[in-house]
C-alpha atoms as a PDB file:
ATOM      1  CA  UNK A   1     133.797  73.643 134.802  1.00  0.00           C
ATOM      2  CA  UNK A   2     130.008  73.734 134.397  1.00  0.00           C
ATOM      3  CA  UNK A   3     130.045  77.545 134.195  1.00  0.00           C
ATOM      4  CA  UNK A   4     132.727  77.457 131.492  1.00  0.00           C
ATOM      5  CA  UNK A   5     130.735  74.958 129.415  1.00  0.00           C
ATOM      6  CA  UNK A   6     127.604  77.071 129.712  1.00  0.00           C
ATOM      7  CA  UNK A   7     129.524  80.264 128.928  1.00  0.00           C
ATOM      8  CA  UNK A   8     130.852  78.809 125.687  1.00  0.00           C
ATOM      9  CA  UNK A   9     127.293  78.159 124.529  1.00  0.00           C
ATOM     10  CA  UNK A  10     127.489  74.356 124.654  1.00  0.00           C
ATOM     11  CA  UNK A  11     124.050  73.973 126.226  1.00  0.00           C
ATOM     12  CA  UNK A  12     122.353  76.332 123.747  1.00  0.00           C
ATOM     13  CA  UNK A  13     123.985  74.745 120.695  1.00  0.00           C
ATOM     14  CA  UNK A  14     123.360  71.204 121.895  1.00  0.00           C
ATOM     15  CA  UNK A  15     119.700  72.007 122.648  1.00  0.00           C
ATOM     16  CA  UNK A  16     119.192  73.578 119.218  1.00  0.00           C
ATOM     17  CA  UNK A  17     120.794  70.600 117.461  1.00  0.00           C
ATOM     18  CA  UNK A  18     118.865  68.043 119.514  1.00  0.00           C
ATOM     19  CA  UNK A  19     115.547  69.800 118.905  1.00  0.00           C
ATOM     20  CA  UNK A  20     116.265  70.037 115.173  1.00  0.00           C
ATOM     21  CA  UNK A  21     116.930  66.326 114.813  1.00  0.00           C
ATOM     22  CA  UNK A  22     114.007  65.315 117.060  1.00  0.00           C
ATOM     23  CA  UNK A  23     111.588  67.291 114.878  1.00  0.00           C
ATOM     24  CA  UNK A  24     113.168  65.836 111.731  1.00  0.00           C
ATOM     25  CA  UNK A  25     112.846  62.311 113.140  1.00  0.00           C
ATOM     26  CA  UNK A  26     109.169  62.853 113.950  1.00  0.00           C
ATOM     27  CA  UNK A  27     108.524  64.072 110.404  1.00  0.00           C
ATOM     28  CA  UNK A  28     110.224  61.008 108.904  1.00  0.00           C
ATOM     29  CA  UNK A  29     108.587  58.447 111.204  1.00  0.00           C
ATOM     30  CA  UNK A  30     104.967  59.642 110.969  1.00  0.00           C
ATOM     31  CA  UNK A  31     102.707  59.070 107.985  1.00  0.00           C
ATOM     32  CA  UNK A  32     103.698  62.290 106.233  1.00  0.00           C
ATOM     33  CA  UNK A  33     104.581  63.092 102.633  1.00  0.00           C
ATOM     34  CA  UNK A  34     108.185  62.132 103.420  1.00  0.00           C
ATOM     35  CA  UNK A  35     107.176  58.684 104.633  1.00  0.00           C
ATOM     36  CA  UNK A  36     104.878  58.130 101.656  1.00  0.00           C
ATOM     37  CA  UNK A  37     107.636  59.112  99.219  1.00  0.00           C
ATOM     38  CA  UNK A  38     109.982  56.627 100.906  1.00  0.00           C
ATOM     39  CA  UNK A  39     107.399  53.855 100.677  1.00  0.00           C
ATOM     40  CA  UNK A  40     106.929  54.534  96.960  1.00  0.00           C
ATOM     41  CA  UNK A  41     110.684  54.530  96.431  1.00  0.00           C
ATOM     42  CA  UNK A  42     110.745  58.233  95.553  1.00  0.00           C
ATOM     43  CA  UNK A  43     113.782  59.337  97.533  1.00  0.00           C
ATOM     44  CA  UNK A  44     114.543  62.685  95.875  1.00  0.00           C
ATOM     45  CA  UNK A  45     112.308  64.865  98.085  1.00  0.00           C
ATOM     46  CA  UNK A  46     113.254  63.125 101.393  1.00  0.00           C
ATOM     47  CA  UNK A  47     116.939  63.364 100.506  1.00  0.00           C
ATOM     48  CA  UNK A  48     116.609  67.032  99.545  1.00  0.00           C
ATOM     49  CA  UNK A  49     114.786  67.880 102.770  1.00  0.00           C
ATOM     50  CA  UNK A  50     117.413  66.013 104.796  1.00  0.00           C
ATOM     51  CA  UNK A  51     120.227  67.893 103.035  1.00  0.00           C
ATOM     52  CA  UNK A  52     118.563  71.255 103.728  1.00  0.00           C
ATOM     53  CA  UNK A  53     118.276  70.362 107.416  1.00  0.00           C
ATOM     54  CA  UNK A  54     121.947  69.326 107.475  1.00  0.00           C
ATOM     55  CA  UNK A  55     122.921  72.567 105.720  1.00  0.00           C
ATOM     56  CA  UNK A  56     120.963  74.632 108.254  1.00  0.00           C
ATOM     57  CA  UNK A  57     122.713  72.870 111.141  1.00  0.00           C
ATOM     58  CA  UNK A  58     126.144  73.374 109.560  1.00  0.00           C
ATOM     59  CA  UNK A  59     125.437  77.063 108.958  1.00  0.00           C
ATOM     60  CA  UNK A  60     124.201  77.390 112.536  1.00  0.00           C
ATOM     61  CA  UNK A  61     127.477  76.060 113.908  1.00  0.00           C
ATOM     62  CA  UNK A  62     129.525  78.096 111.429  1.00  0.00           C
ATOM     63  CA  UNK A  63     127.853  81.354 112.500  1.00  0.00           C
ATOM     64  CA  UNK A  64     127.873  80.351 116.144  1.00  0.00           C
ATOM     65  CA  UNK A  65     131.575  79.464 116.302  1.00  0.00           C
ATOM     66  CA  UNK A  66     132.891  82.067 113.832  1.00  0.00           C
ATOM     67  CA  UNK A  67     134.870  85.099 114.935  1.00  0.00           C
ATOM     68  CA  UNK A  68     132.330  87.936 114.507  1.00  0.00           C
ATOM     69  CA  UNK A  69     135.123  90.477 114.086  1.00  0.00           C
ATOM     70  CA  UNK A  70     136.686  90.885 117.505  1.00  0.00           C
ATOM     71  CA  UNK A  71     138.965  93.894 117.869  1.00  0.00           C
ATOM     72  CA  UNK A  72     142.278  92.330 118.936  1.00  0.00           C
ATOM     73  CA  UNK A  73     144.585  95.351 119.134  1.00  0.00           C
ATOM     74  CA  UNK A  74     144.606  99.051 118.354  1.00  0.00           C
ATOM     75  CA  UNK A  75     146.070  98.151 114.952  1.00  0.00           C
ATOM     76  CA  UNK A  76     143.909  95.838 112.835  1.00  0.00           C
ATOM     77  CA  UNK A  77     145.652  92.593 111.862  1.00  0.00           C
ATOM     78  CA  UNK A  78     143.114  91.094 109.462  1.00  0.00           C
ATOM     79  CA  UNK A  79     145.008  91.780 106.267  1.00  0.00           C
ATOM     80  CA  UNK A  80     144.703  95.567 106.065  1.00  0.00           C
ATOM     81  CA  UNK A  81     147.992  96.383 107.762  1.00  0.00           C
ATOM     82  CA  UNK A  82     148.524  98.364 110.940  1.00  0.00           C
ATOM     83  CA  UNK A  83     149.700 101.621 109.364  1.00  0.00           C
ATOM     84  CA  UNK A  84     146.568 101.997 107.242  1.00  0.00           C
ATOM     85  CA  UNK A  85     144.280 101.475 110.221  1.00  0.00           C
ATOM     86  CA  UNK A  86     146.216 103.800 112.499  1.00  0.00           C
ATOM     87  CA  UNK A  87     146.317 106.477 109.795  1.00  0.00           C
ATOM     88  CA  UNK A  88     142.568 106.190 109.368  1.00  0.00           C
ATOM     89  CA  UNK A  89     142.117 106.686 113.115  1.00  0.00           C
ATOM     90  CA  UNK A  90     143.773 110.129 113.128  1.00  0.00           C
ATOM     91  CA  UNK A  91     140.985 112.544 114.114  1.00  0.00           C
ATOM     92  CA  UNK A  92     139.769 114.686 111.228  1.00  0.00           C
ATOM     93  CA  UNK A  93     137.617 117.756 111.397  1.00  0.00           C
ATOM     94  CA  UNK A  94     134.646 115.978 109.829  1.00  0.00           C
ATOM     95  CA  UNK A  95     135.173 112.643 111.589  1.00  0.00           C
ATOM     96  CA  UNK A  96     134.256 112.015 115.257  1.00  0.00           C
ATOM     97  CA  UNK A  97     137.272 111.101 117.376  1.00  0.00           C
ATOM     98  CA  UNK A  98     137.771 107.382 117.845  1.00  0.00           C
ATOM     99  CA  UNK A  99     137.232 106.392 121.466  1.00  0.00           C
ATOM    100  CA  UNK A 100     138.900 103.850 123.696  1.00  0.00           C
ATOM    101  CA  UNK A 101     136.703 101.133 125.126  1.00  0.00           C
ATOM    102  CA  UNK A 102     136.091 101.597 128.832  1.00  0.00           C
ATOM    103  CA  UNK A 103     136.219  97.847 129.388  1.00  0.00           C
ATOM    104  CA  UNK A 104     139.030  96.337 127.275  1.00  0.00           C
ATOM    105  CA  UNK A 105     140.861  99.677 126.757  1.00  0.00           C
ATOM    106  CA  UNK A 106     141.306  99.108 123.025  1.00  0.00           C
ATOM    107  CA  UNK A 107     140.736 101.890 120.510  1.00  0.00           C
ATOM    108  CA  UNK A 108     137.466 101.107 118.777  1.00  0.00           C
ATOM    109  CA  UNK A 109     137.174 101.420 114.984  1.00  0.00           C
ATOM    110  CA  UNK A 110     134.054 103.241 113.860  1.00  0.00           C
ATOM    111  CA  UNK A 111     130.862 101.128 114.161  1.00  0.00           C
ATOM    112  CA  UNK A 112     132.529  98.836 116.722  1.00  0.00           C
ATOM    113  CA  UNK A 113     130.989  98.219 120.146  1.00  0.00           C
ATOM    114  CA  UNK A 114     131.917  96.325 123.291  1.00  0.00           C
ATOM    115  CA  UNK A 115     129.735  93.267 123.955  1.00  0.00           C
ATOM    116  CA  UNK A 116     129.045  92.763 127.644  1.00  0.00           C
ATOM    117  CA  UNK A 117     128.342  89.048 127.130  1.00  0.00           C
ATOM    118  CA  UNK A 118     131.418  88.201 125.046  1.00  0.00           C
ATOM    119  CA  UNK A 119     133.510  90.805 126.917  1.00  0.00           C
ATOM    120  CA  UNK A 120     135.143  91.837 123.630  1.00  0.00           C
ATOM    121  CA  UNK A 121     134.801  94.722 121.184  1.00  0.00           C
ATOM    122  CA  UNK A 122     133.281  93.704 117.846  1.00  0.00           C
ATOM    123  CA  UNK A 123     133.758  95.442 114.503  1.00  0.00           C
ATOM    124  CA  UNK A 124     130.536  96.657 112.868  1.00  0.00           C
ATOM    125  CA  UNK A 125     128.644  95.294 115.848  1.00  0.00           C
ATOM    126  CA  UNK A 126     125.049  94.325 115.094  1.00  0.00           C
ATOM    127  CA  UNK A 127     123.849  92.490 118.208  1.00  0.00           C
ATOM    128  CA  UNK A 128     124.615  89.604 120.537  1.00  0.00           C
ATOM    129  CA  UNK A 129     122.348  86.716 119.585  1.00  0.00           C
ATOM    130  CA  UNK A 130     121.433  84.318 122.431  1.00  0.00           C
ATOM    131  CA  UNK A 131     120.187  81.827 119.823  1.00  0.00           C
ATOM    132  CA  UNK A 132     123.711  81.257 118.524  1.00  0.00           C
ATOM    133  CA  UNK A 133     125.480  82.370 121.735  1.00  0.00           C
ATOM    134  CA  UNK A 134     127.726  84.652 119.725  1.00  0.00           C
ATOM    135  CA  UNK A 135     127.898  88.212 118.517  1.00  0.00           C
ATOM    136  CA  UNK A 136     126.800  89.130 115.020  1.00  0.00           C
ATOM    137  CA  UNK A 137     129.386  91.445 113.544  1.00  0.00           C
ATOM    138  CA  UNK A 138     131.439  92.308 110.478  1.00  0.00           C
ATOM    139  CA  UNK A 139     132.812  88.809 109.846  1.00  0.00           C
ATOM    140  CA  UNK A 140     129.720  86.664 110.352  1.00  0.00           C
ATOM    141  CA  UNK A 141     126.743  88.968 109.678  1.00  0.00           C
ATOM    142  CA  UNK A 142     126.327  87.896 106.036  1.00  0.00           C
ATOM    143  CA  UNK A 143     126.484  84.240 107.054  1.00  0.00           C
ATOM    144  CA  UNK A 144     123.910  84.903 109.765  1.00  0.00           C
ATOM    145  CA  UNK A 145     121.509  86.240 107.119  1.00  0.00           C
ATOM    146  CA  UNK A 146     122.236  83.258 104.841  1.00  0.00           C
ATOM    147  CA  UNK A 147     121.611  80.927 107.771  1.00  0.00           C
ATOM    148  CA  UNK A 148     118.251  82.591 108.467  1.00  0.00           C
ATOM    149  CA  UNK A 149     117.216  82.150 104.823  1.00  0.00           C
ATOM    150  CA  UNK A 150     118.152  78.443 104.770  1.00  0.00           C
ATOM    151  CA  UNK A 151     116.554  77.898 108.175  1.00  0.00           C
ATOM    152  CA  UNK A 152     113.333  79.543 106.995  1.00  0.00           C
ATOM    153  CA  UNK A 153     113.227  77.286 103.927  1.00  0.00           C
ATOM    154  CA  UNK A 154     113.655  74.201 106.122  1.00  0.00           C
ATOM    155  CA  UNK A 155     111.020  75.395 108.605  1.00  0.00           C
ATOM    156  CA  UNK A 156     108.370  76.234 106.009  1.00  0.00           C
ATOM    157  CA  UNK A 157     108.917  72.882 104.327  1.00  0.00           C
ATOM    158  CA  UNK A 158     108.666  71.189 107.717  1.00  0.00           C
ATOM    159  CA  UNK A 159     105.330  72.928 108.373  1.00  0.00           C
ATOM    160  CA  UNK A 160     103.991  71.584 105.073  1.00  0.00           C
ATOM    161  CA  UNK A 161     105.252  68.081 105.857  1.00  0.00           C
ATOM    162  CA  UNK A 162     103.776  68.124 109.372  1.00  0.00           C
ATOM    163  CA  UNK A 163     100.371  69.254 108.100  1.00  0.00           C
ATOM    164  CA  UNK A 164     100.385  66.451 105.523  1.00  0.00           C
ATOM    165  CA  UNK A 165     100.669  63.883 108.317  1.00  0.00           C
ATOM    166  CA  UNK A 166      97.782  65.043 110.527  1.00  0.00           C
ATOM    167  CA  UNK A 167      95.093  62.370 110.173  1.00  0.00           C
ATOM    168  CA  UNK A 168      91.440  62.411 111.329  1.00  0.00           C
ATOM    169  CA  UNK A 169      90.127  60.091 114.073  1.00  0.00           C
ATOM    170  CA  UNK A 170      86.739  59.173 115.518  1.00  0.00           C
ATOM    171  CA  UNK A 171      87.165  61.268 118.674  1.00  0.00           C
ATOM    172  CA  UNK A 172      89.312  64.118 119.991  1.00  0.00           C
ATOM    173  CA  UNK A 173      91.150  61.859 122.420  1.00  0.00           C
ATOM    174  CA  UNK A 174      92.096  59.418 119.670  1.00  0.00           C
ATOM    175  CA  UNK A 175      93.038  62.311 117.401  1.00  0.00           C
ATOM    176  CA  UNK A 176      95.424  63.803 119.968  1.00  0.00           C
ATOM    177  CA  UNK A 177      96.825  60.356 120.765  1.00  0.00           C
ATOM    178  CA  UNK A 178      97.514  59.622 117.098  1.00  0.00           C
ATOM    179  CA  UNK A 179      98.881  63.062 116.212  1.00  0.00           C
ATOM    180  CA  UNK A 180     100.413  64.190 119.518  1.00  0.00           C
ATOM    181  CA  UNK A 181     104.071  64.090 118.519  1.00  0.00           C
ATOM    182  CA  UNK A 182     103.305  65.554 115.111  1.00  0.00           C
ATOM    183  CA  UNK A 183     101.320  68.417 116.670  1.00  0.00           C
ATOM    184  CA  UNK A 184     104.167  69.132 119.092  1.00  0.00           C
ATOM    185  CA  UNK A 185     106.627  69.234 116.191  1.00  0.00           C
ATOM    186  CA  UNK A 186     104.234  71.494 114.262  1.00  0.00           C
ATOM    187  CA  UNK A 187     103.992  73.860 117.236  1.00  0.00           C
ATOM    188  CA  UNK A 188     107.774  74.100 117.601  1.00  0.00           C
ATOM    189  CA  UNK A 189     108.294  74.585 113.867  1.00  0.00           C
ATOM    190  CA  UNK A 190     105.499  77.170 113.689  1.00  0.00           C
ATOM    191  CA  UNK A 191     106.943  79.301 116.500  1.00  0.00           C
ATOM    192  CA  UNK A 192     110.449  79.170 115.025  1.00  0.00           C
ATOM    193  CA  UNK A 193     109.062  80.033 111.577  1.00  0.00           C
ATOM    194  CA  UNK A 194     107.480  83.246 112.871  1.00  0.00           C
ATOM    195  CA  UNK A 195     110.681  84.230 114.701  1.00  0.00           C
ATOM    196  CA  UNK A 196     112.909  83.538 111.686  1.00  0.00           C
ATOM    197  CA  UNK A 197     110.584  85.429 109.298  1.00  0.00           C
ATOM    198  CA  UNK A 198     110.717  88.502 111.537  1.00  0.00           C
ATOM    199  CA  UNK A 199     114.488  88.277 111.983  1.00  0.00           C
ATOM    200  CA  UNK A 200     115.157  87.781 108.276  1.00  0.00           C
ATOM    201  CA  UNK A 201     112.904  90.664 107.226  1.00  0.00           C
ATOM    202  CA  UNK A 202     114.452  93.016 109.792  1.00  0.00           C
ATOM    203  CA  UNK A 203     118.027  92.138 108.827  1.00  0.00           C
ATOM    204  CA  UNK A 204     117.378  92.392 105.092  1.00  0.00           C
ATOM    205  CA  UNK A 205     115.885  95.841 105.631  1.00  0.00           C
ATOM    206  CA  UNK A 206     118.825  96.975 107.762  1.00  0.00           C
ATOM    207  CA  UNK A 207     121.316  95.541 105.261  1.00  0.00           C
ATOM    208  CA  UNK A 208     119.564  97.363 102.408  1.00  0.00           C
ATOM    209  CA  UNK A 209     120.156 100.718 104.163  1.00  0.00           C
ATOM    210  CA  UNK A 210     123.606  99.751 105.530  1.00  0.00           C
ATOM    211  CA  UNK A 211     122.593 100.034 109.148  1.00  0.00           C
ATOM    212  CA  UNK A 212     123.076  97.689 112.102  1.00  0.00           C
ATOM    213  CA  UNK A 213     120.592  96.713 114.777  1.00  0.00           C
ATOM    214  CA  UNK A 214     122.641  98.552 117.391  1.00  0.00           C
ATOM    215  CA  UNK A 215     122.783 101.718 115.270  1.00  0.00           C
ATOM    216  CA  UNK A 216     119.068 101.522 114.487  1.00  0.00           C
ATOM    217  CA  UNK A 217     118.073 101.101 118.149  1.00  0.00           C
ATOM    218  CA  UNK A 218     120.629 103.466 119.743  1.00  0.00           C
ATOM    219  CA  UNK A 219     121.066 106.134 117.091  1.00  0.00           C
ATOM    220  CA  UNK A 220     120.564 108.986 119.567  1.00  0.00           C
ATOM    221  CA  UNK A 221     123.479 107.758 121.741  1.00  0.00           C
ATOM    222  CA  UNK A 222     126.064 107.043 119.031  1.00  0.00           C
ATOM    223  CA  UNK A 223     128.580 109.865 118.513  1.00  0.00           C
ATOM    224  CA  UNK A 224     128.847 109.562 114.728  1.00  0.00           C
ATOM    225  CA  UNK A 225     125.055 109.376 114.191  1.00  0.00           C
ATOM    226  CA  UNK A 226     123.385 111.516 116.843  1.00  0.00           C
ATOM    227  CA  UNK A 227     124.230 114.743 115.014  1.00  0.00           C
ATOM    228  CA  UNK A 228     122.910 113.453 111.692  1.00  0.00           C
ATOM    229  CA  UNK A 229     119.339 113.984 110.609  1.00  0.00           C
ATOM    230  CA  UNK A 230     116.720 111.373 111.464  1.00  0.00           C
ATOM    231  CA  UNK A 231     116.715 110.051 107.902  1.00  0.00           C
ATOM    232  CA  UNK A 232     120.429 110.576 107.219  1.00  0.00           C
ATOM    233  CA  UNK A 233     122.770 107.600 107.137  1.00  0.00           C
ATOM    234  CA  UNK A 234     126.415 108.403 106.269  1.00  0.00           C
ATOM    235  CA  UNK A 235     127.070 104.781 105.259  1.00  0.00           C
ATOM    236  CA  UNK A 236     124.119 104.337 102.882  1.00  0.00           C
ATOM    237  CA  UNK A 237     125.171 103.941  99.220  1.00  0.00           C
ATOM    238  CA  UNK A 238     121.795 102.868  97.843  1.00  0.00           C
ATOM    239  CA  UNK A 239     119.996  99.546  98.090  1.00  0.00           C
ATOM    240  CA  UNK A 240     121.828  97.702  95.304  1.00  0.00           C
ATOM    241  CA  UNK A 241     125.296  98.871  96.355  1.00  0.00           C
ATOM    242  CA  UNK A 242     124.554  98.115  99.998  1.00  0.00           C
ATOM    243  CA  UNK A 243     123.425  94.574  99.179  1.00  0.00           C
ATOM    244  CA  UNK A 244     126.412  94.019  96.870  1.00  0.00           C
ATOM    245  CA  UNK A 245     128.886  95.260  99.483  1.00  0.00           C
ATOM    246  CA  UNK A 246     127.277  93.197 102.225  1.00  0.00           C
ATOM    247  CA  UNK A 247     127.051  89.841 100.416  1.00  0.00           C
ATOM    248  CA  UNK A 248     129.933  90.047  97.929  1.00  0.00           C
ATOM    249  CA  UNK A 249     132.715  92.162  99.468  1.00  0.00           C
ATOM    250  CA  UNK A 250     134.623  89.990 101.936  1.00  0.00           C
ATOM    251  CA  UNK A 251     137.055  92.410 103.555  1.00  0.00           C
ATOM    252  CA  UNK A 252     137.281  94.779 106.485  1.00  0.00           C
ATOM    253  CA  UNK A 253     135.985  98.271 105.697  1.00  0.00           C
ATOM    254  CA  UNK A 254     137.502 101.471 107.087  1.00  0.00           C
ATOM    255  CA  UNK A 255     134.190 103.003 108.080  1.00  0.00           C
ATOM    256  CA  UNK A 256     135.724 106.242 109.310  1.00  0.00           C
ATOM    257  CA  UNK A 257     137.020 106.882 105.788  1.00  0.00           C
ATOM    258  CA  UNK A 258     133.580 106.159 104.326  1.00  0.00           C
ATOM    259  CA  UNK A 259     132.041 108.475 106.928  1.00  0.00           C
ATOM    260  CA  UNK A 260     134.510 111.253 106.197  1.00  0.00           C
ATOM    261  CA  UNK A 261     134.067 110.932 102.424  1.00  0.00           C
ATOM    262  CA  UNK A 262     130.266 110.984 102.626  1.00  0.00           C
ATOM    263  CA  UNK A 263     130.224 113.810 105.160  1.00  0.00           C
ATOM    264  CA  UNK A 264     132.414 115.919 102.887  1.00  0.00           C
ATOM    265  CA  UNK A 265     130.152 115.297  99.882  1.00  0.00           C
ATOM    266  CA  UNK A 266     127.561 118.029  99.287  1.00  0.00           C
ATOM    267  CA  UNK A 267     123.981 117.035 100.050  1.00  0.00           C
END
């Protein structure tokens, strides 16, 4: 029972949620800009900050619990129809042969990978994120990036609020005693801010070139990329088109067809 609860990510999600609300409570209870606005009856900024925190928590759970794009059968059933997917899997001269997963024995669409943690194959696999205890794949990758952006906004605002509440004292001991909880919250928020900035920058860069973390890190081992040049990406359509497709096109993509079309195009 305990192993099942841990495997489903309950502990990670509960810890993240608890830490988020503890830090928020500290920021509201100390003599920070939020508290001063409340005392003056100016509730717009406190309410806006609270709503951003709520939105970040909701996005966290949405990304964490969302199907990242698990491959269920050899024929895709997410609205594209089985015949179209099976037809696209027929080996072509310019397209690497689709392989069967050695673990779940399903035929993997191009850009899919088996996740050892989830024990499932994921379409357009990016990585398994221990922070959300879920894979990041074709279905939830855009929402993961949106979550990072909202989370970064909440964290940077929290840093500003925490700094506004640090007050001077006559001695170091009194200063630490008066600002201890606020300093702890500032430390947690500061560490998370650095992590989220790095994650968001990396993912925006990869999205802009239509590449995944797995493809970027393991290019030399992936059948459809290892024979391409170091700077060649068969899925890259330019920054603007890549961003538009990623954030605005909500459908499964037949990547083998894109690969075949781009490989056939003269360079």
